[in-house]
Amino acid sequence: METARRYLELIDRQALHARCLTFIHPGTGSEMKMEAPLPRDMKTLIDALREGSSEGGEK
């Protein structure tokens, strides 16, 4: 449980991100594509989770 708290402290929002979204614009019918890099706080969280899993996680 203590490990989970440490991870939650790394990010103060929902951990939700889409690298790429594509949709058809309802007014024009044009394809719209938006891309965004992974935010730094999410990269920090992912790195911490990967590091923790390589150490065997919480016992």
C-alpha atoms as a PDB file:
ATOM      1  CA  MET A   1       0.000   0.000   0.000  1.00  0.00           C
ATOM      2  CA  GLU A   2       2.863   2.377   0.750  1.00  0.00           C
ATOM      3  CA  THR A   3       4.223   1.829  -2.759  1.00  0.00           C
ATOM      4  CA  ALA A   4       0.861   2.765  -4.285  1.00  0.00           C
ATOM      5  CA  ARG A   5       0.833   6.015  -2.284  1.00  0.00           C
ATOM      6  CA  ARG A   6       4.309   6.890  -3.563  1.00  0.00           C
ATOM      7  CA  TYR A   7       3.143   6.390  -7.147  1.00  0.00           C
ATOM      8  CA  LEU A   8       0.028   8.517  -6.584  1.00  0.00           C
ATOM      9  CA  GLU A   9       2.208  11.363  -5.320  1.00  0.00           C
ATOM     10  CA  LEU A  10       4.020  11.464  -8.678  1.00  0.00           C
ATOM     11  CA  ILE A  11       0.944  12.696 -10.550  1.00  0.00           C
ATOM     12  CA  ASP A  12      -1.857  14.929  -9.282  1.00  0.00           C
ATOM     13  CA  ARG A  13      -4.427  14.190 -11.983  1.00  0.00           C
ATOM     14  CA  GLN A  14      -5.971  11.336 -13.924  1.00  0.00           C
ATOM     15  CA  ALA A  15      -3.325   9.364 -15.768  1.00  0.00           C
ATOM     16  CA  LEU A  16      -5.071   9.522 -19.134  1.00  0.00           C
ATOM     17  CA  HIS A  17      -3.309  10.403 -22.382  1.00  0.00           C
ATOM     18  CA  ALA A  18      -3.819   9.837 -26.086  1.00  0.00           C
ATOM     19  CA  ARG A  19      -0.703  10.131 -28.218  1.00  0.00           C
ATOM     20  CA  CYS A  20      -2.781  10.454 -31.369  1.00  0.00           C
ATOM     21  CA  LEU A  21      -6.472  11.137 -32.028  1.00  0.00           C
ATOM     22  CA  THR A  22      -8.036  10.994 -35.480  1.00  0.00           C
ATOM     23  CA  PHE A  23     -11.651  11.781 -36.273  1.00  0.00           C
ATOM     24  CA  ILE A  24     -13.868  13.142 -39.043  1.00  0.00           C
ATOM     25  CA  HIS A  25     -14.897  16.756 -38.512  1.00  0.00           C
ATOM     26  CA  PRO A  26     -18.712  16.781 -38.368  1.00  0.00           C
ATOM     27  CA  GLY A  27     -19.047  20.078 -40.229  1.00  0.00           C
ATOM     28  CA  THR A  28     -16.506  19.723 -43.025  1.00  0.00           C
ATOM     29  CA  GLY A  29     -16.094  15.959 -43.320  1.00  0.00           C
ATOM     30  CA  SER A  30     -12.322  16.452 -43.213  1.00  0.00           C
ATOM     31  CA  GLU A  31     -10.116  14.043 -41.343  1.00  0.00           C
ATOM     32  CA  MET A  32      -8.649  15.732 -38.271  1.00  0.00           C
ATOM     33  CA  LYS A  33      -5.517  14.311 -36.666  1.00  0.00           C
ATOM     34  CA  MET A  34      -3.976  15.581 -33.446  1.00  0.00           C
ATOM     35  CA  GLU A  35      -0.796  14.330 -31.812  1.00  0.00           C
ATOM     36  CA  ALA A  36       0.663  15.141 -28.420  1.00  0.00           C
ATOM     37  CA  PRO A  37       3.822  13.928 -26.683  1.00  0.00           C
ATOM     38  CA  LEU A  38       3.627  12.136 -23.366  1.00  0.00           C
ATOM     39  CA  PRO A  39       3.520  14.729 -20.553  1.00  0.00           C
ATOM     40  CA  ARG A  40       6.550  14.775 -18.276  1.00  0.00           C
ATOM     41  CA  ASP A  41       4.576  13.802 -15.145  1.00  0.00           C
ATOM     42  CA  MET A  42       3.198  10.725 -16.886  1.00  0.00           C
ATOM     43  CA  LYS A  43       6.662   9.725 -18.129  1.00  0.00           C
ATOM     44  CA  THR A  44       7.941  10.035 -14.560  1.00  0.00           C
ATOM     45  CA  LEU A  45       5.093   7.831 -13.315  1.00  0.00           C
ATOM     46  CA  ILE A  46       5.625   5.210 -16.042  1.00  0.00           C
ATOM     47  CA  ASP A  47       9.363   5.107 -15.352  1.00  0.00           C
ATOM     48  CA  ALA A  48       8.710   4.648 -11.623  1.00  0.00           C
ATOM     49  CA  LEU A  49       6.196   1.854 -12.258  1.00  0.00           C
ATOM     50  CA  ARG A  50       8.600   0.061 -14.591  1.00  0.00           C
ATOM     51  CA  GLU A  51      11.434   0.397 -12.083  1.00  0.00           C
ATOM     52  CA  GLY A  52       9.198  -0.921  -9.300  1.00  0.00           C
ATOM     53  CA  SER A  53       8.056  -3.895 -11.351  1.00  0.00           C
ATOM     54  CA  SER A  54      11.643  -4.833 -12.174  1.00  0.00           C
ATOM     55  CA  GLU A  55      12.374  -4.891  -8.441  1.00  0.00           C
ATOM     56  CA  GLY A  56       9.578  -7.355  -7.806  1.00  0.00           C
ATOM     57  CA  GLY A  57       6.987  -4.801  -6.659  1.00  0.00           C
ATOM     58  CA  GLU A  58       5.556  -4.404  -3.187  1.00  0.00           C
ATOM     59  CA  LYS A  59       5.398  -7.400  -0.876  1.00  0.00           C
END
